[in-house]
Amino acid sequence: MFRNRVLSVSLCMSVLLFAVLLGTSLVLPFILTRAAGFSMIGAGLVLSARLAATAILGTPSGTLAEVSVLAPS
């Protein structure tokens, strides 16, 4: 499995991306409420903007990814 360089790099990037996204999802509420002085509701509103952007952009980006993969080169 690790003999294929493309697969190895993509697996490493996936693990790194997962770690960054999970880390920000777990740590960011604490940073917003304790260090930045947001209320819990304010921190929730800030974090919900990220969720809304993911919900809005998820379908178009998935469609774009499928089109770019299926397009003849």
N, C-alpha and C. Protein backbone atom coordinates (compact mmCIF):
# COMPACT_ATOMS: atom_id res chain seq x y z
N MET A 1 0.82 -1.17 0.00
CA MET A 1 0.00 0.00 0.00
C MET A 1 0.88 1.25 0.00
N PHE A 2 1.95 1.28 0.75
CA PHE A 2 2.79 2.47 0.81
C PHE A 2 3.83 2.51 -0.30
N ARG A 3 3.81 1.55 -1.18
CA ARG A 3 4.72 1.59 -2.33
C ARG A 3 4.22 2.57 -3.39
N ASN A 4 2.91 2.76 -3.42
CA ASN A 4 2.32 3.71 -4.36
C ASN A 4 2.43 5.11 -3.76
N ARG A 5 3.24 5.95 -4.38
CA ARG A 5 3.53 7.28 -3.83
C ARG A 5 2.28 8.17 -3.78
N VAL A 6 1.45 8.12 -4.80
CA VAL A 6 0.25 8.95 -4.83
C VAL A 6 -0.70 8.56 -3.70
N LEU A 7 -0.87 7.27 -3.49
CA LEU A 7 -1.74 6.79 -2.41
C LEU A 7 -1.19 7.19 -1.05
N SER A 8 0.10 7.07 -0.86
CA SER A 8 0.72 7.42 0.41
C SER A 8 0.56 8.90 0.73
N VAL A 9 0.80 9.74 -0.27
CA VAL A 9 0.67 11.18 -0.05
C VAL A 9 -0.79 11.55 0.22
N SER A 10 -1.71 10.96 -0.51
CA SER A 10 -3.12 11.28 -0.29
C SER A 10 -3.59 10.80 1.07
N LEU A 11 -3.11 9.65 1.54
CA LEU A 11 -3.46 9.19 2.88
C LEU A 11 -2.91 10.11 3.96
N CYS A 12 -1.67 10.53 3.80
CA CYS A 12 -1.07 11.45 4.76
C CYS A 12 -1.81 12.79 4.79
N MET A 13 -2.18 13.29 3.63
CA MET A 13 -2.92 14.54 3.58
C MET A 13 -4.31 14.40 4.20
N SER A 14 -4.94 13.25 4.01
CA SER A 14 -6.26 13.02 4.61
C SER A 14 -6.17 12.99 6.13
N VAL A 15 -5.15 12.33 6.65
CA VAL A 15 -4.97 12.29 8.10
C VAL A 15 -4.69 13.68 8.64
N LEU A 16 -3.85 14.45 7.96
CA LEU A 16 -3.54 15.80 8.38
C LEU A 16 -4.79 16.69 8.35
N LEU A 17 -5.57 16.60 7.30
CA LEU A 17 -6.80 17.38 7.19
C LEU A 17 -7.78 17.01 8.29
N PHE A 18 -7.93 15.71 8.55
CA PHE A 18 -8.82 15.26 9.61
C PHE A 18 -8.37 15.80 10.96
N ALA A 19 -7.07 15.77 11.23
CA ALA A 19 -6.55 16.25 12.51
C ALA A 19 -6.79 17.76 12.67
N VAL A 20 -6.59 18.51 11.61
CA VAL A 20 -6.79 19.96 11.68
C VAL A 20 -8.26 20.29 11.89
N LEU A 21 -9.14 19.65 11.13
CA LEU A 21 -10.57 19.94 11.27
C LEU A 21 -11.11 19.50 12.63
N LEU A 22 -10.68 18.34 13.09
CA LEU A 22 -11.13 17.88 14.40
C LEU A 22 -10.57 18.77 15.50
N GLY A 23 -9.31 19.16 15.35
CA GLY A 23 -8.69 20.02 16.35
C GLY A 23 -9.39 21.36 16.46
N THR A 24 -9.71 21.96 15.32
CA THR A 24 -10.40 23.25 15.37
C THR A 24 -11.82 23.10 15.89
N SER A 25 -12.46 22.00 15.57
CA SER A 25 -13.83 21.80 16.06
C SER A 25 -13.86 21.61 17.57
N LEU A 26 -12.82 21.02 18.12
CA LEU A 26 -12.79 20.79 19.57
C LEU A 26 -12.25 21.99 20.34
N VAL A 27 -11.28 22.69 19.80
CA VAL A 27 -10.59 23.74 20.54
C VAL A 27 -11.20 25.12 20.33
N LEU A 28 -11.72 25.38 19.15
CA LEU A 28 -12.21 26.71 18.82
C LEU A 28 -13.31 27.22 19.76
N PRO A 29 -14.27 26.41 20.19
CA PRO A 29 -15.26 26.94 21.14
C PRO A 29 -14.63 27.43 22.45
N PHE A 30 -13.62 26.73 22.92
CA PHE A 30 -12.95 27.16 24.15
C PHE A 30 -12.18 28.45 23.94
N ILE A 31 -11.54 28.58 22.81
CA ILE A 31 -10.80 29.81 22.50
C ILE A 31 -11.77 30.98 22.40
N LEU A 32 -12.89 30.77 21.73
CA LEU A 32 -13.85 31.86 21.56
C LEU A 32 -14.47 32.29 22.88
N THR A 33 -14.80 31.35 23.75
CA THR A 33 -15.47 31.72 24.99
C THR A 33 -14.51 32.21 26.05
N ARG A 34 -13.35 31.61 26.17
CA ARG A 34 -12.44 31.97 27.25
C ARG A 34 -11.44 33.06 26.86
N ALA A 35 -10.81 32.91 25.73
CA ALA A 35 -9.75 33.86 25.36
C ALA A 35 -10.31 35.10 24.66
N ALA A 36 -11.29 34.90 23.78
CA ALA A 36 -11.81 36.03 23.01
C ALA A 36 -12.98 36.73 23.70
N GLY A 37 -13.51 36.12 24.76
CA GLY A 37 -14.56 36.77 25.53
C GLY A 37 -15.96 36.68 24.94
N PHE A 38 -16.19 35.79 24.00
CA PHE A 38 -17.53 35.61 23.45
C PHE A 38 -18.42 34.92 24.48
N SER A 39 -19.71 35.21 24.41
CA SER A 39 -20.66 34.42 25.20
C SER A 39 -20.83 33.07 24.50
N MET A 40 -21.50 32.16 25.16
CA MET A 40 -21.72 30.86 24.55
C MET A 40 -22.58 30.98 23.29
N ILE A 41 -23.56 31.86 23.35
CA ILE A 41 -24.41 32.07 22.17
C ILE A 41 -23.62 32.70 21.04
N GLY A 42 -22.78 33.67 21.36
CA GLY A 42 -21.95 34.31 20.33
C GLY A 42 -20.98 33.33 19.69
N ALA A 43 -20.37 32.48 20.51
CA ALA A 43 -19.46 31.47 19.97
C ALA A 43 -20.22 30.48 19.09
N GLY A 44 -21.43 30.13 19.51
CA GLY A 44 -22.25 29.23 18.70
C GLY A 44 -22.61 29.83 17.35
N LEU A 45 -22.90 31.13 17.35
CA LEU A 45 -23.21 31.80 16.08
C LEU A 45 -21.99 31.87 15.17
N VAL A 46 -20.84 32.13 15.74
CA VAL A 46 -19.61 32.15 14.93
C VAL A 46 -19.35 30.78 14.33
N LEU A 47 -19.51 29.75 15.13
CA LEU A 47 -19.26 28.39 14.65
C LEU A 47 -20.33 27.93 13.66
N SER A 48 -21.56 28.42 13.81
CA SER A 48 -22.60 28.01 12.87
C SER A 48 -22.38 28.60 11.48
N ALA A 49 -21.64 29.69 11.37
CA ALA A 49 -21.32 30.24 10.05
C ALA A 49 -20.47 29.24 9.26
N ARG A 50 -19.56 28.58 9.94
CA ARG A 50 -18.73 27.55 9.27
C ARG A 50 -19.60 26.38 8.81
N LEU A 51 -20.53 25.98 9.64
CA LEU A 51 -21.43 24.88 9.27
C LEU A 51 -22.33 25.27 8.10
N ALA A 52 -22.81 26.51 8.11
CA ALA A 52 -23.66 26.98 7.01
C ALA A 52 -22.88 27.02 5.69
N ALA A 53 -21.63 27.48 5.76
CA ALA A 53 -20.81 27.51 4.55
C ALA A 53 -20.55 26.11 4.02
N THR A 54 -20.33 25.16 4.92
CA THR A 54 -20.13 23.77 4.50
C THR A 54 -21.39 23.21 3.85
N ALA A 55 -22.54 23.51 4.43
CA ALA A 55 -23.81 23.01 3.88
C ALA A 55 -24.10 23.62 2.52
N ILE A 56 -23.80 24.90 2.37
CA ILE A 56 -24.09 25.58 1.10
C ILE A 56 -23.11 25.16 0.01
N LEU A 57 -21.85 25.04 0.35
CA LEU A 57 -20.82 24.77 -0.66
C LEU A 57 -20.55 23.28 -0.89
N GLY A 58 -21.12 22.42 -0.05
CA GLY A 58 -20.84 20.99 -0.16
C GLY A 58 -21.31 20.38 -1.47
N THR A 59 -22.53 20.63 -1.86
CA THR A 59 -23.08 20.05 -3.08
C THR A 59 -22.39 20.59 -4.34
N PRO A 60 -22.21 21.90 -4.48
CA PRO A 60 -21.51 22.37 -5.69
C PRO A 60 -20.07 21.88 -5.78
N SER A 61 -19.37 21.81 -4.66
CA SER A 61 -17.99 21.34 -4.73
C SER A 61 -17.92 19.85 -5.05
N GLY A 62 -18.88 19.07 -4.55
CA GLY A 62 -18.92 17.66 -4.91
C GLY A 62 -19.22 17.45 -6.38
N THR A 63 -20.14 18.25 -6.91
CA THR A 63 -20.45 18.18 -8.34
C THR A 63 -19.24 18.58 -9.17
N LEU A 64 -18.55 19.63 -8.75
CA LEU A 64 -17.34 20.06 -9.46
C LEU A 64 -16.26 18.98 -9.43
N ALA A 65 -16.12 18.32 -8.31
CA ALA A 65 -15.13 17.25 -8.20
C ALA A 65 -15.47 16.09 -9.13
N GLU A 66 -16.74 15.72 -9.19
CA GLU A 66 -17.15 14.64 -10.08
C GLU A 66 -16.95 15.00 -11.53
N VAL A 67 -17.27 16.23 -11.89
CA VAL A 67 -17.12 16.67 -13.28
C VAL A 67 -15.65 16.67 -13.67
N SER A 68 -14.78 17.14 -12.76
CA SER A 68 -13.36 17.20 -13.10
C SER A 68 -12.75 15.81 -13.19
N VAL A 69 -13.27 14.86 -12.43
CA VAL A 69 -12.75 13.48 -12.51
C VAL A 69 -13.25 12.79 -13.76
N LEU A 70 -14.50 13.02 -14.11
CA LEU A 70 -15.11 12.33 -15.24
C LEU A 70 -14.82 12.99 -16.59
N ALA A 71 -14.30 14.22 -16.54
CA ALA A 71 -14.03 14.92 -17.80
C ALA A 71 -12.86 14.25 -18.54
N PRO A 72 -13.00 14.08 -19.85
CA PRO A 72 -11.89 13.48 -20.61
C PRO A 72 -10.73 14.45 -20.67
N SER A 73 -9.51 13.90 -20.56
CA SER A 73 -8.34 14.77 -20.61
C SER A 73 -7.70 14.79 -21.96
